[in-house]
Protein backbone atom coordinates (compact mmCIF):
# COMPACT_ATOMS: atom_id res chain seq x y z
CA UNK A 1 0.00 0.00 0.00
CA UNK A 2 1.07 3.58 -0.56
CA UNK A 3 3.13 5.15 2.18
CA UNK A 4 3.75 8.90 2.31
CA UNK A 5 7.12 8.67 4.04
CA UNK A 6 8.86 11.95 3.20
CA UNK A 7 11.49 11.74 5.95
CA UNK A 8 13.92 9.42 4.17
CA UNK A 9 15.72 10.05 0.91
CA UNK A 10 14.52 7.89 -1.98
CA UNK A 11 16.78 5.10 -3.11
CA UNK A 12 17.98 4.98 -6.70
CA UNK A 13 15.41 2.28 -7.43
CA UNK A 14 12.63 4.45 -5.98
CA UNK A 15 13.86 7.47 -7.92
CA UNK A 16 13.85 5.41 -11.13
CA UNK A 17 10.34 4.13 -10.41
CA UNK A 18 9.05 7.66 -9.80
CA UNK A 19 10.55 8.86 -13.09
CA UNK A 20 9.00 5.92 -14.94
CA UNK A 21 5.61 6.60 -13.35
CA UNK A 22 5.80 10.26 -14.40
CA UNK A 23 6.77 9.23 -17.94
CA UNK A 24 3.86 6.77 -18.07
CA UNK A 25 1.38 9.41 -16.89
CA UNK A 26 2.74 11.89 -19.43
CA UNK A 27 2.39 9.27 -22.17
CA UNK A 28 -1.26 8.67 -21.21
CA UNK A 29 -2.02 12.38 -21.42
CA UNK A 30 -0.18 12.68 -24.77
CA UNK A 31 -2.00 9.70 -26.26
CA UNK A 32 -5.42 10.85 -25.09
CA UNK A 33 -4.78 14.35 -26.44
CA UNK A 34 -3.83 12.96 -29.83
CA UNK A 35 -6.20 9.98 -30.13
CA UNK A 36 -8.85 10.28 -27.42
CA UNK A 37 -12.44 11.25 -28.00
CA UNK A 38 -12.19 14.22 -25.62
CA UNK A 39 -8.99 15.74 -27.03
CA UNK A 40 -7.30 15.19 -23.69
CA UNK A 41 -7.56 13.12 -20.53
CA UNK A 42 -10.19 13.93 -17.88
CA UNK A 43 -8.23 14.66 -14.71
CA UNK A 44 -10.73 12.89 -12.47
CA UNK A 45 -10.50 9.72 -14.55
CA UNK A 46 -6.71 9.73 -14.27
CA UNK A 47 -6.79 10.33 -10.52
CA UNK A 48 -9.33 7.54 -10.05
CA UNK A 49 -6.81 5.15 -11.58
CA UNK A 50 -3.97 6.44 -9.38
CA UNK A 51 -5.73 6.97 -6.05
CA UNK A 52 -4.52 3.63 -4.68
CA UNK A 53 -0.89 4.61 -5.16
CA UNK A 54 -0.85 8.34 -4.37
CA UNK A 55 -2.73 10.87 -2.33
CA UNK A 56 -4.80 13.57 -4.02
CA UNK A 57 -2.30 16.17 -2.81
CA UNK A 58 0.57 14.28 -4.51
CA UNK A 59 -1.49 13.92 -7.67
CA UNK A 60 -2.17 17.68 -7.75
CA UNK A 61 1.55 18.35 -7.16
CA UNK A 62 2.44 16.13 -10.11
CA UNK A 63 -0.10 17.79 -12.40
CA UNK A 64 1.12 21.23 -11.26
CA UNK A 65 4.68 20.25 -12.16
CA UNK A 66 3.58 19.10 -15.61
CA UNK A 67 1.75 22.43 -16.07
CA UNK A 68 4.67 24.57 -14.84
CA UNK A 69 7.06 22.68 -17.12
CA UNK A 70 4.87 23.56 -20.09
CA UNK A 71 3.95 19.95 -20.85
CA UNK A 72 0.19 20.15 -20.31
CA UNK A 73 -2.62 22.57 -19.60
CA UNK A 74 -5.75 21.96 -17.56
CA UNK A 75 -8.97 23.26 -19.07
CA UNK A 76 -11.72 24.81 -16.91
CA UNK A 77 -13.49 21.43 -17.21
CA UNK A 78 -10.39 19.68 -15.77
CA UNK A 79 -9.34 18.09 -19.05
CA UNK A 80 -5.56 17.50 -19.18
CA UNK A 81 -4.26 18.44 -22.63
CA UNK A 82 -0.71 17.81 -23.86
CA UNK A 83 0.74 21.04 -25.29
CA UNK A 84 4.47 20.41 -25.64
CA UNK A 85 5.65 20.18 -29.22
CA UNK A 86 5.87 16.61 -30.55
CA UNK A 87 9.52 16.90 -31.62
CA UNK A 88 10.48 17.83 -28.05
CA UNK A 89 9.06 14.57 -26.66
CA UNK A 90 11.29 12.17 -28.62
C-alpha atoms as a PDB file:
ATOM      1  CA  UNK A   1       0.000   0.000   0.000  1.00  0.00           C
ATOM      2  CA  UNK A   2       1.069   3.584  -0.565  1.00  0.00           C
ATOM      3  CA  UNK A   3       3.133   5.155   2.181  1.00  0.00           C
ATOM      4  CA  UNK A   4       3.754   8.898   2.307  1.00  0.00           C
ATOM      5  CA  UNK A   5       7.122   8.667   4.035  1.00  0.00           C
ATOM      6  CA  UNK A   6       8.862  11.947   3.201  1.00  0.00           C
ATOM      7  CA  UNK A   7      11.494  11.736   5.950  1.00  0.00           C
ATOM      8  CA  UNK A   8      13.925   9.418   4.168  1.00  0.00           C
ATOM      9  CA  UNK A   9      15.717  10.051   0.907  1.00  0.00           C
ATOM     10  CA  UNK A  10      14.518   7.891  -1.979  1.00  0.00           C
ATOM     11  CA  UNK A  11      16.784   5.099  -3.113  1.00  0.00           C
ATOM     12  CA  UNK A  12      17.982   4.980  -6.705  1.00  0.00           C
ATOM     13  CA  UNK A  13      15.409   2.284  -7.429  1.00  0.00           C
ATOM     14  CA  UNK A  14      12.626   4.450  -5.978  1.00  0.00           C
ATOM     15  CA  UNK A  15      13.859   7.472  -7.921  1.00  0.00           C
ATOM     16  CA  UNK A  16      13.851   5.414 -11.134  1.00  0.00           C
ATOM     17  CA  UNK A  17      10.341   4.128 -10.413  1.00  0.00           C
ATOM     18  CA  UNK A  18       9.054   7.663  -9.798  1.00  0.00           C
ATOM     19  CA  UNK A  19      10.546   8.862 -13.093  1.00  0.00           C
ATOM     20  CA  UNK A  20       9.004   5.917 -14.941  1.00  0.00           C
ATOM     21  CA  UNK A  21       5.608   6.603 -13.353  1.00  0.00           C
ATOM     22  CA  UNK A  22       5.804  10.264 -14.404  1.00  0.00           C
ATOM     23  CA  UNK A  23       6.769   9.235 -17.936  1.00  0.00           C
ATOM     24  CA  UNK A  24       3.860   6.767 -18.072  1.00  0.00           C
ATOM     25  CA  UNK A  25       1.384   9.408 -16.894  1.00  0.00           C
ATOM     26  CA  UNK A  26       2.740  11.892 -19.430  1.00  0.00           C
ATOM     27  CA  UNK A  27       2.388   9.274 -22.169  1.00  0.00           C
ATOM     28  CA  UNK A  28      -1.260   8.666 -21.214  1.00  0.00           C
ATOM     29  CA  UNK A  29      -2.015  12.379 -21.424  1.00  0.00           C
ATOM     30  CA  UNK A  30      -0.183  12.679 -24.768  1.00  0.00           C
ATOM     31  CA  UNK A  31      -1.999   9.702 -26.259  1.00  0.00           C
ATOM     32  CA  UNK A  32      -5.422  10.851 -25.090  1.00  0.00           C
ATOM     33  CA  UNK A  33      -4.777  14.355 -26.435  1.00  0.00           C
ATOM     34  CA  UNK A  34      -3.825  12.961 -29.828  1.00  0.00           C
ATOM     35  CA  UNK A  35      -6.196   9.982 -30.134  1.00  0.00           C
ATOM     36  CA  UNK A  36      -8.846  10.285 -27.417  1.00  0.00           C
ATOM     37  CA  UNK A  37     -12.439  11.248 -27.998  1.00  0.00           C
ATOM     38  CA  UNK A  38     -12.190  14.219 -25.617  1.00  0.00           C
ATOM     39  CA  UNK A  39      -8.991  15.738 -27.027  1.00  0.00           C
ATOM     40  CA  UNK A  40      -7.301  15.187 -23.686  1.00  0.00           C
ATOM     41  CA  UNK A  41      -7.558  13.121 -20.527  1.00  0.00           C
ATOM     42  CA  UNK A  42     -10.190  13.933 -17.878  1.00  0.00           C
ATOM     43  CA  UNK A  43      -8.227  14.656 -14.713  1.00  0.00           C
ATOM     44  CA  UNK A  44     -10.729  12.892 -12.472  1.00  0.00           C
ATOM     45  CA  UNK A  45     -10.496   9.717 -14.547  1.00  0.00           C
ATOM     46  CA  UNK A  46      -6.712   9.731 -14.271  1.00  0.00           C
ATOM     47  CA  UNK A  47      -6.790  10.334 -10.518  1.00  0.00           C
ATOM     48  CA  UNK A  48      -9.330   7.541 -10.051  1.00  0.00           C
ATOM     49  CA  UNK A  49      -6.807   5.150 -11.577  1.00  0.00           C
ATOM     50  CA  UNK A  50      -3.967   6.440  -9.379  1.00  0.00           C
ATOM     51  CA  UNK A  51      -5.729   6.967  -6.052  1.00  0.00           C
ATOM     52  CA  UNK A  52      -4.524   3.626  -4.680  1.00  0.00           C
ATOM     53  CA  UNK A  53      -0.889   4.612  -5.163  1.00  0.00           C
ATOM     54  CA  UNK A  54      -0.846   8.335  -4.370  1.00  0.00           C
ATOM     55  CA  UNK A  55      -2.732  10.875  -2.330  1.00  0.00           C
ATOM     56  CA  UNK A  56      -4.804  13.573  -4.017  1.00  0.00           C
ATOM     57  CA  UNK A  57      -2.296  16.166  -2.813  1.00  0.00           C
ATOM     58  CA  UNK A  58       0.571  14.284  -4.507  1.00  0.00           C
ATOM     59  CA  UNK A  59      -1.492  13.925  -7.674  1.00  0.00           C
ATOM     60  CA  UNK A  60      -2.166  17.682  -7.750  1.00  0.00           C
ATOM     61  CA  UNK A  61       1.552  18.353  -7.162  1.00  0.00           C
ATOM     62  CA  UNK A  62       2.443  16.130 -10.112  1.00  0.00           C
ATOM     63  CA  UNK A  63      -0.100  17.791 -12.396  1.00  0.00           C
ATOM     64  CA  UNK A  64       1.124  21.225 -11.257  1.00  0.00           C
ATOM     65  CA  UNK A  65       4.683  20.250 -12.159  1.00  0.00           C
ATOM     66  CA  UNK A  66       3.578  19.103 -15.613  1.00  0.00           C
ATOM     67  CA  UNK A  67       1.751  22.433 -16.074  1.00  0.00           C
ATOM     68  CA  UNK A  68       4.666  24.572 -14.835  1.00  0.00           C
ATOM     69  CA  UNK A  69       7.065  22.681 -17.116  1.00  0.00           C
ATOM     70  CA  UNK A  70       4.869  23.564 -20.091  1.00  0.00           C
ATOM     71  CA  UNK A  71       3.951  19.955 -20.849  1.00  0.00           C
ATOM     72  CA  UNK A  72       0.188  20.151 -20.309  1.00  0.00           C
ATOM     73  CA  UNK A  73      -2.624  22.569 -19.602  1.00  0.00           C
ATOM     74  CA  UNK A  74      -5.755  21.957 -17.558  1.00  0.00           C
ATOM     75  CA  UNK A  75      -8.971  23.261 -19.075  1.00  0.00           C
ATOM     76  CA  UNK A  76     -11.718  24.809 -16.913  1.00  0.00           C
ATOM     77  CA  UNK A  77     -13.490  21.427 -17.215  1.00  0.00           C
ATOM     78  CA  UNK A  78     -10.390  19.678 -15.771  1.00  0.00           C
ATOM     79  CA  UNK A  79      -9.339  18.087 -19.045  1.00  0.00           C
ATOM     80  CA  UNK A  80      -5.563  17.501 -19.183  1.00  0.00           C
ATOM     81  CA  UNK A  81      -4.259  18.443 -22.626  1.00  0.00           C
ATOM     82  CA  UNK A  82      -0.711  17.810 -23.858  1.00  0.00           C
ATOM     83  CA  UNK A  83       0.738  21.039 -25.295  1.00  0.00           C
ATOM     84  CA  UNK A  84       4.466  20.414 -25.641  1.00  0.00           C
ATOM     85  CA  UNK A  85       5.652  20.181 -29.223  1.00  0.00           C
ATOM     86  CA  UNK A  86       5.873  16.613 -30.554  1.00  0.00           C
ATOM     87  CA  UNK A  87       9.522  16.896 -31.623  1.00  0.00           C
ATOM     88  CA  UNK A  88      10.482  17.833 -28.051  1.00  0.00           C
ATOM     89  CA  UNK A  89       9.065  14.566 -26.659  1.00  0.00           C
ATOM     90  CA  UNK A  90      11.285  12.173 -28.615  1.00  0.00           C
END
